[in-house]
Amino acid sequence: MDAPHGGQLQRAVAPMVRSLYHKSAVSLYAPVRVLADWLSIEAELGRKAGQINSFTSAIVTAQEVVTGQRELALAPAIVAVKTAARRDNPSLPRHGDEDMWDPNLVLDYWRAHPPSTVATKRARAVSLVMLAIYCRPSDLARFSVAHTIIEGDTLRYRIRGPKERRNAGYLTPVQRLEMLPADSAEAEFACPVRALLSYWDSISDLERADDPRGVIYSLSRKDGKISPLGAERLSKVMSEVMHAAGVSTVFTGGSARSAGASHALDEGADVNHVLRRGRWSSRWVFNKFYNRARINMVDARSAAAATRRRPQSALVRAADASGTIRHDASSRTSNGE
């Protein structure tokens, strides 16, 4: 097979992959042993385990797209390098042990700046939903259209192929968000369900592109249809809201996952519910990489203490309903059906 020219790679693989090959001069067709040796050298130079995993994913993606092969991902030599990197140089939490930013800044921003355009309504929906359910931008981009339903005062949703599953066909169990009562003081500016409804209403007359994932959209100038925003754009929308609200520019849109979960714990949310809502694999992972709540380390005593008081935050009250819900076809969906 002839080596692909630049145009093929430009279309076939992500910028990170192209940059990786150009800077390292690693051939796309190098033997496994050569690639493993190069990854070992990068690890010895101080690359964290997460960076080694990213490099490996980039190489695997490029080979799969261009050659149709994925065997490299399970090659023993590659697996050995990744295992050693996790042991000798594990990734560190992005923000160390410092305090996470306060989601109340975002609530105060929307209280002072009610949205009046489609763009600002979209920004409010993105920010409130991400903080309420502790999701990554990529999770919000993967909301299943057919399973994102508002019935009465409840939003029921499922995510198709979340990052931790690495399976594009997997659907998470149904979870729900409750609408804050209309007479609640925070209903107009802090309710994620009302924000999402308001945004959907503002785009109800627009034709939607055929895509099974995504409930937040952008308008295409080419065909006049709306199509789902990807993870990068959603992260940018979240970042813009955060920084407009006064959050330090040290934090990116992805930090909403940690900020929302930490805020929920500080406000008295049930620990087990937070872990289920955010789909964390263990308390160890949550504590090390995400939990920046004032109670800090989640243990049996803090879990018991958290369940003894009712959450006061509007975001936490909306997310306080938990459990698996049956899909009801009579409900309203993100595409208005």
C-alpha atoms as a PDB file:
ATOM      1  CA  MET A   1       0.000   0.000   0.000  1.00  0.00           C
ATOM      2  CA  ASP A   2       1.370   3.426  -0.972  1.00  0.00           C
ATOM      3  CA  ALA A   3       1.960   5.922   1.780  1.00  0.00           C
ATOM      4  CA  PRO A   4      -0.873   8.487   1.930  1.00  0.00           C
ATOM      5  CA  HIS A   5      -0.090  11.981   0.734  1.00  0.00           C
ATOM      6  CA  GLY A   6      -0.610  15.066   2.902  1.00  0.00           C
ATOM      7  CA  GLY A   7      -4.143  15.713   1.679  1.00  0.00           C
ATOM      8  CA  GLN A   8      -5.284  12.234   2.648  1.00  0.00           C
ATOM      9  CA  LEU A   9      -3.871  12.583   6.154  1.00  0.00           C
ATOM     10  CA  GLN A  10      -5.369  16.077   6.421  1.00  0.00           C
ATOM     11  CA  ARG A  11      -8.822  14.652   5.866  1.00  0.00           C
ATOM     12  CA  ALA A  12      -8.304  11.315   7.573  1.00  0.00           C
ATOM     13  CA  VAL A  13      -6.825  12.076  10.969  1.00  0.00           C
ATOM     14  CA  ALA A  14      -7.076  14.737  13.618  1.00  0.00           C
ATOM     15  CA  PRO A  15      -4.582  17.627  13.872  1.00  0.00           C
ATOM     16  CA  MET A  16      -3.035  16.049  16.961  1.00  0.00           C
ATOM     17  CA  VAL A  17      -2.168  12.930  14.979  1.00  0.00           C
ATOM     18  CA  ARG A  18      -0.607  14.868  12.119  1.00  0.00           C
ATOM     19  CA  SER A  19       1.425  16.963  14.532  1.00  0.00           C
ATOM     20  CA  LEU A  20       2.604  13.849  16.330  1.00  0.00           C
ATOM     21  CA  TYR A  21       3.989  12.291  13.163  1.00  0.00           C
ATOM     22  CA  HIS A  22       5.530  15.472  11.824  1.00  0.00           C
ATOM     23  CA  LYS A  23       7.343  16.328  15.042  1.00  0.00           C
ATOM     24  CA  SER A  24       8.548  12.848  15.909  1.00  0.00           C
ATOM     25  CA  ALA A  25       9.279  11.608  12.388  1.00  0.00           C
ATOM     26  CA  VAL A  26       7.639   8.313  13.338  1.00  0.00           C
ATOM     27  CA  SER A  27       6.454   6.504  10.238  1.00  0.00           C
ATOM     28  CA  LEU A  28       2.831   5.492  10.016  1.00  0.00           C
ATOM     29  CA  TYR A  29       4.049   2.110   8.816  1.00  0.00           C
ATOM     30  CA  ALA A  30       6.801   1.579  11.379  1.00  0.00           C
ATOM     31  CA  PRO A  31       6.925  -1.894  12.976  1.00  0.00           C
ATOM     32  CA  VAL A  32       5.361  -2.308  16.395  1.00  0.00           C
ATOM     33  CA  ARG A  33       8.766  -2.663  18.024  1.00  0.00           C
ATOM     34  CA  VAL A  34       9.911   0.693  16.619  1.00  0.00           C
ATOM     35  CA  LEU A  35       6.764   2.429  17.828  1.00  0.00           C
ATOM     36  CA  ALA A  36       7.093   0.823  21.268  1.00  0.00           C
ATOM     37  CA  ASP A  37      10.727   1.949  21.516  1.00  0.00           C
ATOM     38  CA  TRP A  38       9.744   5.490  20.590  1.00  0.00           C
ATOM     39  CA  LEU A  39       6.974   5.532  23.230  1.00  0.00           C
ATOM     40  CA  SER A  40       9.500   4.218  25.804  1.00  0.00           C
ATOM     41  CA  ILE A  41      11.869   7.061  24.981  1.00  0.00           C
ATOM     42  CA  GLU A  42       9.061   9.582  25.357  1.00  0.00           C
ATOM     43  CA  ALA A  43       8.205   8.078  28.758  1.00  0.00           C
ATOM     44  CA  GLU A  44      11.851   8.269  29.846  1.00  0.00           C
ATOM     45  CA  LEU A  45      11.881  11.941  28.867  1.00  0.00           C
ATOM     46  CA  GLY A  46       9.166  12.555  31.452  1.00  0.00           C
ATOM     47  CA  ARG A  47       5.929  12.130  29.554  1.00  0.00           C
ATOM     48  CA  LYS A  48       3.043  11.349  31.879  1.00  0.00           C
ATOM     49  CA  ALA A  49       0.980   8.183  31.482  1.00  0.00           C
ATOM     50  CA  GLY A  50      -1.889  10.212  30.041  1.00  0.00           C
ATOM     51  CA  GLN A  51       0.376  11.642  27.342  1.00  0.00           C
ATOM     52  CA  ILE A  52       1.663   8.183  26.449  1.00  0.00           C
ATOM     53  CA  ASN A  53      -1.952   7.007  26.162  1.00  0.00           C
ATOM     54  CA  SER A  54      -2.768   9.999  23.948  1.00  0.00           C
ATOM     55  CA  PHE A  55       0.184   9.268  21.680  1.00  0.00           C
ATOM     56  CA  THR A  56      -0.854   5.629  21.432  1.00  0.00           C
ATOM     57  CA  SER A  57      -4.445   6.564  20.649  1.00  0.00           C
ATOM     58  CA  ALA A  58      -3.253   8.964  17.969  1.00  0.00           C
ATOM     59  CA  ILE A  59      -1.149   6.287  16.283  1.00  0.00           C
ATOM     60  CA  VAL A  60      -3.913   3.684  16.512  1.00  0.00           C
ATOM     61  CA  THR A  61      -6.453   6.145  15.086  1.00  0.00           C
ATOM     62  CA  ALA A  62      -4.200   7.043  12.185  1.00  0.00           C
ATOM     63  CA  GLN A  63      -3.459   3.426  11.341  1.00  0.00           C
ATOM     64  CA  GLU A  64      -7.125   2.464  11.559  1.00  0.00           C
ATOM     65  CA  VAL A  65      -8.236   5.299   9.283  1.00  0.00           C
ATOM     66  CA  VAL A  66      -5.507   4.874   6.690  1.00  0.00           C
ATOM     67  CA  THR A  67      -4.868   1.121   6.784  1.00  0.00           C
ATOM     68  CA  GLY A  68      -8.058  -0.240   8.388  1.00  0.00           C
ATOM     69  CA  GLN A  69      -6.070  -2.051  11.107  1.00  0.00           C
ATOM     70  CA  ARG A  70      -6.405  -1.798  14.889  1.00  0.00           C
ATOM     71  CA  GLU A  71      -4.121  -4.597  16.014  1.00  0.00           C
ATOM     72  CA  LEU A  72      -1.561  -2.115  17.310  1.00  0.00           C
ATOM     73  CA  ALA A  73      -3.712  -1.172  20.312  1.00  0.00           C
ATOM     74  CA  LEU A  74      -3.361  -4.668  21.817  1.00  0.00           C
ATOM     75  CA  ALA A  75       0.252  -5.346  20.820  1.00  0.00           C
ATOM     76  CA  PRO A  76       2.070  -6.679  23.938  1.00  0.00           C
ATOM     77  CA  ALA A  77       5.016  -4.312  23.464  1.00  0.00           C
ATOM     78  CA  ILE A  78       2.712  -1.271  23.376  1.00  0.00           C
ATOM     79  CA  VAL A  79       0.649  -2.474  26.345  1.00  0.00           C
ATOM     80  CA  ALA A  80       3.860  -3.004  28.340  1.00  0.00           C
ATOM     81  CA  VAL A  81       5.001   0.574  27.723  1.00  0.00           C
ATOM     82  CA  LYS A  82       1.623   1.984  28.789  1.00  0.00           C
ATOM     83  CA  THR A  83       1.569  -0.195  31.927  1.00  0.00           C
ATOM     84  CA  ALA A  84       5.063   0.953  32.904  1.00  0.00           C
ATOM     85  CA  ALA A  85       4.114   4.604  32.353  1.00  0.00           C
ATOM     86  CA  ARG A  86       1.089   4.267  34.650  1.00  0.00           C
ATOM     87  CA  ARG A  87       3.301   2.723  37.311  1.00  0.00           C
ATOM     88  CA  ASP A  88       6.341   5.016  37.057  1.00  0.00           C
ATOM     89  CA  ASN A  89       4.877   8.349  35.983  1.00  0.00           C
ATOM     90  CA  PRO A  90       1.113   8.477  36.547  1.00  0.00           C
ATOM     91  CA  SER A  91      -0.887  11.467  35.400  1.00  0.00           C
ATOM     92  CA  LEU A  92      -1.541  14.120  38.008  1.00  0.00           C
ATOM     93  CA  PRO A  93      -4.826  15.896  38.667  1.00  0.00           C
ATOM     94  CA  ARG A  94      -5.144  18.844  36.282  1.00  0.00           C
ATOM     95  CA  HIS A  95      -5.682  21.395  39.050  1.00  0.00           C
ATOM     96  CA  GLY A  96      -3.790  19.850  41.956  1.00  0.00           C
ATOM     97  CA  ASP A  97      -5.371  20.260  45.374  1.00  0.00           C
ATOM     98  CA  GLU A  98      -6.450  23.886  45.056  1.00  0.00           C
ATOM     99  CA  ASP A  99     -10.083  24.890  45.389  1.00  0.00           C
ATOM    100  CA  MET A 100     -12.323  24.382  42.385  1.00  0.00           C
ATOM    101  CA  TRP A 101     -14.272  27.352  41.045  1.00  0.00           C
ATOM    102  CA  ASP A 102     -17.737  28.066  42.440  1.00  0.00           C
ATOM    103  CA  PRO A 103     -20.720  27.301  40.140  1.00  0.00           C
ATOM    104  CA  ASN A 104     -22.670  30.003  41.971  1.00  0.00           C
ATOM    105  CA  LEU A 105     -20.702  32.475  39.839  1.00  0.00           C
ATOM    106  CA  VAL A 106     -22.477  31.094  36.771  1.00  0.00           C
ATOM    107  CA  LEU A 107     -25.873  31.247  38.478  1.00  0.00           C
ATOM    108  CA  ASP A 108     -25.254  34.854  39.506  1.00  0.00           C
ATOM    109  CA  TYR A 109     -24.231  35.673  35.940  1.00  0.00           C
ATOM    110  CA  TRP A 110     -27.477  34.356  34.473  1.00  0.00           C
ATOM    111  CA  ARG A 111     -29.478  36.113  37.185  1.00  0.00           C
ATOM    112  CA  ALA A 112     -27.899  39.409  36.111  1.00  0.00           C
ATOM    113  CA  HIS A 113     -27.863  38.695  32.361  1.00  0.00           C
ATOM    114  CA  PRO A 114     -31.085  36.951  31.246  1.00  0.00           C
ATOM    115  CA  PRO A 115     -30.537  35.514  27.743  1.00  0.00           C
ATOM    116  CA  SER A 116     -32.386  37.207  24.902  1.00  0.00           C
ATOM    117  CA  THR A 117     -30.890  35.554  21.810  1.00  0.00           C
ATOM    118  CA  VAL A 118     -30.627  31.983  20.557  1.00  0.00           C
ATOM    119  CA  ALA A 119     -26.875  32.036  21.226  1.00  0.00           C
ATOM    120  CA  THR A 120     -27.224  33.161  24.840  1.00  0.00           C
ATOM    121  CA  LYS A 121     -30.077  30.735  25.463  1.00  0.00           C
ATOM    122  CA  ARG A 122     -27.836  27.983  24.130  1.00  0.00           C
ATOM    123  CA  ALA A 123     -24.985  29.113  26.376  1.00  0.00           C
ATOM    124  CA  ARG A 124     -27.245  29.100  29.448  1.00  0.00           C
ATOM    125  CA  ALA A 125     -28.557  25.615  28.647  1.00  0.00           C
ATOM    126  CA  VAL A 126     -25.039  24.250  28.113  1.00  0.00           C
ATOM    127  CA  SER A 127     -23.628  25.732  31.315  1.00  0.00           C
ATOM    128  CA  LEU A 128     -26.495  24.739  33.612  1.00  0.00           C
ATOM    129  CA  VAL A 129     -26.853  21.201  32.270  1.00  0.00           C
ATOM    130  CA  MET A 130     -23.101  20.507  32.434  1.00  0.00           C
ATOM    131  CA  LEU A 131     -22.882  21.744  36.018  1.00  0.00           C
ATOM    132  CA  ALA A 132     -26.020  19.899  37.134  1.00  0.00           C
ATOM    133  CA  ILE A 133     -25.066  16.463  35.813  1.00  0.00           C
ATOM    134  CA  TYR A 134     -21.241  16.715  36.027  1.00  0.00           C
ATOM    135  CA  CYS A 135     -20.738  15.818  32.393  1.00  0.00           C
ATOM    136  CA  ARG A 136     -17.831  16.309  30.035  1.00  0.00           C
ATOM    137  CA  PRO A 137     -18.355  18.412  26.897  1.00  0.00           C
ATOM    138  CA  SER A 138     -18.025  15.150  24.957  1.00  0.00           C
ATOM    139  CA  ASP A 139     -20.856  13.641  27.034  1.00  0.00           C
ATOM    140  CA  LEU A 140     -23.196  16.504  26.184  1.00  0.00           C
ATOM    141  CA  ALA A 141     -22.237  16.081  22.529  1.00  0.00           C
ATOM    142  CA  ARG A 142     -23.285  12.434  22.807  1.00  0.00           C
ATOM    143  CA  PHE A 143     -26.738  12.888  24.292  1.00  0.00           C
ATOM    144  CA  SER A 144     -28.996  10.452  22.455  1.00  0.00           C
ATOM    145  CA  VAL A 145     -31.682  12.421  20.604  1.00  0.00           C
ATOM    146  CA  ALA A 146     -34.211   9.589  20.824  1.00  0.00           C
ATOM    147  CA  HIS A 147     -33.678   9.230  24.574  1.00  0.00           C
ATOM    148  CA  THR A 148     -33.559  12.888  25.638  1.00  0.00           C
ATOM    149  CA  ILE A 149     -37.122  13.490  26.728  1.00  0.00           C
ATOM    150  CA  ILE A 150     -39.009  16.073  28.758  1.00  0.00           C
ATOM    151  CA  GLU A 151     -42.224  14.812  30.281  1.00  0.00           C
ATOM    152  CA  GLY A 152     -44.016  17.031  32.730  1.00  0.00           C
ATOM    153  CA  ASP A 153     -41.386  18.390  35.102  1.00  0.00           C
ATOM    154  CA  THR A 154     -38.711  15.798  34.343  1.00  0.00           C
ATOM    155  CA  LEU A 155     -35.906  15.599  31.813  1.00  0.00           C
ATOM    156  CA  ARG A 156     -34.855  12.024  31.089  1.00  0.00           C
ATOM    157  CA  TYR A 157     -31.675  11.451  29.171  1.00  0.00           C
ATOM    158  CA  ARG A 158     -29.196   8.840  28.020  1.00  0.00           C
ATOM    159  CA  ILE A 159     -25.681   9.259  26.623  1.00  0.00           C
ATOM    160  CA  ARG A 160     -24.542   7.227  23.632  1.00  0.00           C
ATOM    161  CA  GLY A 161     -20.945   6.010  23.759  1.00  0.00           C
ATOM    162  CA  PRO A 162     -19.497   8.018  26.707  1.00  0.00           C
ATOM    163  CA  LYS A 163     -15.731   8.299  26.943  1.00  0.00           C
ATOM    164  CA  GLU A 164     -15.306   5.780  29.755  1.00  0.00           C
ATOM    165  CA  ARG A 165     -17.040   3.018  27.772  1.00  0.00           C
ATOM    166  CA  ARG A 166     -15.122   3.403  24.489  1.00  0.00           C
ATOM    167  CA  ASN A 167     -18.093   1.812  22.755  1.00  0.00           C
ATOM    168  CA  ALA A 168     -19.997   3.981  20.300  1.00  0.00           C
ATOM    169  CA  GLY A 169     -23.122   1.824  20.558  1.00  0.00           C
ATOM    170  CA  TYR A 170     -23.373   1.769  24.361  1.00  0.00           C
ATOM    171  CA  LEU A 171     -26.244   3.702  25.966  1.00  0.00           C
ATOM    172  CA  THR A 172     -25.982   4.770  29.593  1.00  0.00           C
ATOM    173  CA  PRO A 173     -28.869   3.933  31.937  1.00  0.00           C
ATOM    174  CA  VAL A 174     -31.622   6.542  31.903  1.00  0.00           C
ATOM    175  CA  GLN A 175     -31.102   9.399  34.359  1.00  0.00           C
ATOM    176  CA  ARG A 176     -33.222  12.417  35.094  1.00  0.00           C
ATOM    177  CA  LEU A 177     -33.230  16.075  36.035  1.00  0.00           C
ATOM    178  CA  GLU A 178     -36.163  17.684  37.793  1.00  0.00           C
ATOM    179  CA  MET A 179     -37.600  21.063  36.818  1.00  0.00           C
ATOM    180  CA  LEU A 180     -37.543  23.591  39.626  1.00  0.00           C
ATOM    181  CA  PRO A 181     -41.061  24.733  40.635  1.00  0.00           C
ATOM    182  CA  ALA A 182     -42.319  27.818  38.829  1.00  0.00           C
ATOM    183  CA  ASP A 183     -42.696  29.688  42.119  1.00  0.00           C
ATOM    184  CA  SER A 184     -39.070  28.984  43.045  1.00  0.00           C
ATOM    185  CA  ALA A 185     -36.909  32.097  43.242  1.00  0.00           C
ATOM    186  CA  GLU A 186     -34.247  30.426  41.068  1.00  0.00           C
ATOM    187  CA  ALA A 187     -36.572  28.920  38.451  1.00  0.00           C
ATOM    188  CA  GLU A 188     -35.926  31.553  35.786  1.00  0.00           C
ATOM    189  CA  PHE A 189     -32.130  31.676  35.924  1.00  0.00           C
ATOM    190  CA  ALA A 190     -30.862  28.470  37.565  1.00  0.00           C
ATOM    191  CA  CYS A 191     -33.056  25.613  36.341  1.00  0.00           C
ATOM    192  CA  PRO A 192     -31.245  23.467  33.744  1.00  0.00           C
ATOM    193  CA  VAL A 193     -34.469  21.851  32.496  1.00  0.00           C
ATOM    194  CA  ARG A 194     -36.202  25.199  31.935  1.00  0.00           C
ATOM    195  CA  ALA A 195     -33.050  26.520  30.264  1.00  0.00           C
ATOM    196  CA  LEU A 196     -32.963  23.567  27.881  1.00  0.00           C
ATOM    197  CA  LEU A 197     -36.679  23.938  27.094  1.00  0.00           C
ATOM    198  CA  SER A 198     -36.281  27.645  26.416  1.00  0.00           C
ATOM    199  CA  TYR A 199     -33.387  26.931  24.054  1.00  0.00           C
ATOM    200  CA  TRP A 200     -35.260  24.189  22.200  1.00  0.00           C
ATOM    201  CA  ASP A 201     -38.276  26.473  21.800  1.00  0.00           C
ATOM    202  CA  SER A 202     -36.040  29.141  20.234  1.00  0.00           C
ATOM    203  CA  ILE A 203     -34.914  26.734  17.487  1.00  0.00           C
ATOM    204  CA  SER A 204     -38.161  24.779  17.036  1.00  0.00           C
ATOM    205  CA  ASP A 205     -38.801  26.221  13.560  1.00  0.00           C
ATOM    206  CA  LEU A 206     -35.412  25.152  12.190  1.00  0.00           C
ATOM    207  CA  GLU A 207     -34.837  21.916  10.282  1.00  0.00           C
ATOM    208  CA  ARG A 208     -32.525  19.483  12.024  1.00  0.00           C
ATOM    209  CA  ALA A 209     -29.789  17.512  10.287  1.00  0.00           C
ATOM    210  CA  ASP A 210     -30.105  13.732  10.551  1.00  0.00           C
ATOM    211  CA  ASP A 211     -27.866  12.783  13.469  1.00  0.00           C
ATOM    212  CA  PRO A 212     -28.664  10.417  16.374  1.00  0.00           C
ATOM    213  CA  ARG A 213     -26.502  12.298  18.879  1.00  0.00           C
ATOM    214  CA  GLY A 214     -26.420  15.803  20.267  1.00  0.00           C
ATOM    215  CA  VAL A 215     -29.129  18.126  21.601  1.00  0.00           C
ATOM    216  CA  ILE A 216     -27.216  21.430  21.348  1.00  0.00           C
ATOM    217  CA  TYR A 217     -26.912  22.820  17.829  1.00  0.00           C
ATOM    218  CA  SER A 218     -25.339  25.264  15.434  1.00  0.00           C
ATOM    219  CA  LEU A 219     -26.921  26.619  12.259  1.00  0.00           C
ATOM    220  CA  SER A 220     -25.267  25.665   8.987  1.00  0.00           C
ATOM    221  CA  ARG A 221     -25.035  28.521   6.496  1.00  0.00           C
ATOM    222  CA  LYS A 222     -24.810  26.020   3.641  1.00  0.00           C
ATOM    223  CA  ASP A 223     -28.170  24.290   3.927  1.00  0.00           C
ATOM    224  CA  GLY A 224     -29.928  26.247   6.678  1.00  0.00           C
ATOM    225  CA  LYS A 225     -30.200  23.166   8.918  1.00  0.00           C
ATOM    226  CA  ILE A 226     -29.096  22.863  12.503  1.00  0.00           C
ATOM    227  CA  SER A 227     -26.515  20.224  13.356  1.00  0.00           C
ATOM    228  CA  PRO A 228     -25.173  19.068  16.749  1.00  0.00           C
ATOM    229  CA  LEU A 229     -22.237  20.882  18.300  1.00  0.00           C
ATOM    230  CA  GLY A 230     -19.164  18.756  18.936  1.00  0.00           C
ATOM    231  CA  ALA A 231     -17.227  18.477  22.181  1.00  0.00           C
ATOM    232  CA  GLU A 232     -14.691  21.167  21.302  1.00  0.00           C
ATOM    233  CA  ARG A 233     -17.353  23.771  20.529  1.00  0.00           C
ATOM    234  CA  LEU A 234     -19.352  22.865  23.639  1.00  0.00           C
ATOM    235  CA  SER A 235     -16.233  23.238  25.774  1.00  0.00           C
ATOM    236  CA  LYS A 236     -15.661  26.667  24.234  1.00  0.00           C
ATOM    237  CA  VAL A 237     -19.250  27.715  24.977  1.00  0.00           C
ATOM    238  CA  MET A 238     -18.840  26.589  28.585  1.00  0.00           C
ATOM    239  CA  SER A 239     -15.504  28.408  28.913  1.00  0.00           C
ATOM    240  CA  GLU A 240     -16.976  31.636  27.573  1.00  0.00           C
ATOM    241  CA  VAL A 241     -19.768  31.533  30.159  1.00  0.00           C
ATOM    242  CA  MET A 242     -17.334  30.735  32.971  1.00  0.00           C
ATOM    243  CA  HIS A 243     -14.952  33.540  32.109  1.00  0.00           C
ATOM    244  CA  ALA A 244     -17.789  36.054  31.602  1.00  0.00           C
ATOM    245  CA  ALA A 245     -18.997  35.066  35.087  1.00  0.00           C
ATOM    246  CA  GLY A 246     -15.588  35.771  36.622  1.00  0.00           C
ATOM    247  CA  VAL A 247     -14.063  32.275  36.756  1.00  0.00           C
ATOM    248  CA  SER A 248     -10.278  32.271  36.376  1.00  0.00           C
ATOM    249  CA  THR A 249      -9.034  31.598  32.847  1.00  0.00           C
ATOM    250  CA  VAL A 250      -6.891  28.828  34.349  1.00  0.00           C
ATOM    251  CA  PHE A 251     -10.013  26.666  34.115  1.00  0.00           C
ATOM    252  CA  THR A 252     -11.390  25.291  30.859  1.00  0.00           C
ATOM    253  CA  GLY A 253     -14.906  24.169  29.985  1.00  0.00           C
ATOM    254  CA  GLY A 254     -14.038  20.597  30.927  1.00  0.00           C
ATOM    255  CA  SER A 255     -13.565  21.648  34.567  1.00  0.00           C
ATOM    256  CA  ALA A 256     -17.356  21.966  34.901  1.00  0.00           C
ATOM    257  CA  ARG A 257     -17.438  18.226  35.627  1.00  0.00           C
ATOM    258  CA  SER A 258     -15.276  18.623  38.729  1.00  0.00           C
ATOM    259  CA  ALA A 259     -16.826  21.955  39.745  1.00  0.00           C
ATOM    260  CA  GLY A 260     -20.393  20.649  39.534  1.00  0.00           C
ATOM    261  CA  ALA A 261     -19.692  17.458  41.475  1.00  0.00           C
ATOM    262  CA  SER A 262     -17.655  19.231  44.168  1.00  0.00           C
ATOM    263  CA  HIS A 263     -20.380  21.871  44.545  1.00  0.00           C
ATOM    264  CA  ALA A 264     -23.005  19.138  44.895  1.00  0.00           C
ATOM    265  CA  LEU A 265     -21.117  17.480  47.745  1.00  0.00           C
ATOM    266  CA  ASP A 266     -20.613  20.778  49.536  1.00  0.00           C
ATOM    267  CA  GLU A 267     -24.345  21.417  49.234  1.00  0.00           C
ATOM    268  CA  GLY A 268     -25.256  18.088  50.819  1.00  0.00           C
ATOM    269  CA  ALA A 269     -25.938  15.877  47.809  1.00  0.00           C
ATOM    270  CA  ASP A 270     -25.821  12.142  48.384  1.00  0.00           C
ATOM    271  CA  VAL A 271     -22.314  10.884  47.611  1.00  0.00           C
ATOM    272  CA  ASN A 272     -23.443   7.686  45.928  1.00  0.00           C
ATOM    273  CA  HIS A 273     -25.826   9.646  43.741  1.00  0.00           C
ATOM    274  CA  VAL A 274     -23.011  11.985  42.659  1.00  0.00           C
ATOM    275  CA  LEU A 275     -20.841   9.002  41.721  1.00  0.00           C
ATOM    276  CA  ARG A 276     -23.679   7.382  39.754  1.00  0.00           C
ATOM    277  CA  ARG A 277     -24.644  10.603  38.030  1.00  0.00           C
ATOM    278  CA  GLY A 278     -21.070  11.250  36.923  1.00  0.00           C
ATOM    279  CA  ARG A 279     -20.458   7.563  36.094  1.00  0.00           C
ATOM    280  CA  TRP A 280     -17.193   7.441  38.019  1.00  0.00           C
ATOM    281  CA  SER A 281     -15.691   3.980  38.163  1.00  0.00           C
ATOM    282  CA  SER A 282     -14.597   4.262  41.794  1.00  0.00           C
ATOM    283  CA  ARG A 283     -14.351   6.647  44.715  1.00  0.00           C
ATOM    284  CA  TRP A 284     -10.573   6.564  44.360  1.00  0.00           C
ATOM    285  CA  VAL A 285     -10.733   7.932  40.818  1.00  0.00           C
ATOM    286  CA  PHE A 286     -13.275  10.566  41.844  1.00  0.00           C
ATOM    287  CA  ASN A 287     -11.278  11.705  44.876  1.00  0.00           C
ATOM    288  CA  LYS A 288      -7.936  11.842  43.090  1.00  0.00           C
ATOM    289  CA  PHE A 289      -8.943  13.590  39.895  1.00  0.00           C
ATOM    290  CA  TYR A 290     -12.284  15.366  40.428  1.00  0.00           C
ATOM    291  CA  ASN A 291     -13.308  15.907  44.028  1.00  0.00           C
ATOM    292  CA  ARG A 292     -12.361  19.382  45.240  1.00  0.00           C
ATOM    293  CA  ALA A 293     -15.243  19.735  47.690  1.00  0.00           C
ATOM    294  CA  ARG A 294     -14.579  21.184  51.112  1.00  0.00           C
ATOM    295  CA  ILE A 295     -15.329  17.786  52.632  1.00  0.00           C
ATOM    296  CA  ASN A 296     -12.505  16.711  50.274  1.00  0.00           C
ATOM    297  CA  MET A 297     -12.222  12.949  50.710  1.00  0.00           C
ATOM    298  CA  VAL A 298     -15.389  10.930  50.284  1.00  0.00           C
ATOM    299  CA  ASP A 299     -15.669   8.220  52.907  1.00  0.00           C
ATOM    300  CA  ALA A 300     -18.448   6.480  54.793  1.00  0.00           C
ATOM    301  CA  ARG A 301     -18.703   9.193  57.434  1.00  0.00           C
ATOM    302  CA  SER A 302     -18.901  12.080  54.979  1.00  0.00           C
ATOM    303  CA  ALA A 303     -21.435  10.133  52.925  1.00  0.00           C
ATOM    304  CA  ALA A 304     -23.619   9.660  55.996  1.00  0.00           C
ATOM    305  CA  ALA A 305     -23.281  13.339  56.944  1.00  0.00           C
ATOM    306  CA  ALA A 306     -24.199  14.453  53.440  1.00  0.00           C
ATOM    307  CA  THR A 307     -27.456  12.554  53.457  1.00  0.00           C
ATOM    308  CA  ARG A 308     -28.631  14.192  56.693  1.00  0.00           C
ATOM    309  CA  ARG A 309     -29.348  17.612  55.166  1.00  0.00           C
ATOM    310  CA  ARG A 310     -31.385  18.708  52.171  1.00  0.00           C
ATOM    311  CA  PRO A 311     -29.353  20.289  49.335  1.00  0.00           C
ATOM    312  CA  GLN A 312     -29.929  24.048  49.100  1.00  0.00           C
ATOM    313  CA  SER A 313     -28.349  24.767  45.713  1.00  0.00           C
ATOM    314  CA  ALA A 314     -30.777  25.082  42.788  1.00  0.00           C
ATOM    315  CA  LEU A 315     -28.459  23.010  40.593  1.00  0.00           C
ATOM    316  CA  VAL A 316     -28.237  20.254  43.184  1.00  0.00           C
ATOM    317  CA  ARG A 317     -31.982  20.184  43.827  1.00  0.00           C
ATOM    318  CA  ALA A 318     -32.635  19.773  40.102  1.00  0.00           C
ATOM    319  CA  ALA A 319     -30.201  16.856  39.943  1.00  0.00           C
ATOM    320  CA  ASP A 320     -31.254  15.263  43.223  1.00  0.00           C
ATOM    321  CA  ALA A 321     -33.619  12.750  41.585  1.00  0.00           C
ATOM    322  CA  SER A 322     -31.801   9.523  40.806  1.00  0.00           C
ATOM    323  CA  GLY A 323     -32.501   6.043  39.585  1.00  0.00           C
ATOM    324  CA  THR A 324     -33.221   4.316  36.318  1.00  0.00           C
ATOM    325  CA  ILE A 325     -36.378   5.380  34.489  1.00  0.00           C
ATOM    326  CA  ARG A 326     -38.254   3.518  31.796  1.00  0.00           C
ATOM    327  CA  HIS A 327     -38.370   5.201  28.406  1.00  0.00           C
ATOM    328  CA  ASP A 328     -41.800   6.639  27.638  1.00  0.00           C
ATOM    329  CA  ALA A 329     -42.525   7.195  23.945  1.00  0.00           C
ATOM    330  CA  SER A 330     -45.213   9.785  24.708  1.00  0.00           C
ATOM    331  CA  SER A 331     -42.676  12.248  26.066  1.00  0.00           C
ATOM    332  CA  ARG A 332     -41.347  15.351  24.369  1.00  0.00           C
ATOM    333  CA  THR A 333     -37.897  14.946  22.768  1.00  0.00           C
ATOM    334  CA  SER A 334     -35.095  17.277  21.768  1.00  0.00           C
ATOM    335  CA  ASN A 335     -36.271  17.430  18.163  1.00  0.00           C
ATOM    336  CA  GLY A 336     -39.799  18.410  19.170  1.00  0.00           C
ATOM    337  CA  GLU A 337     -41.451  15.061  18.459  1.00  0.00           C
END
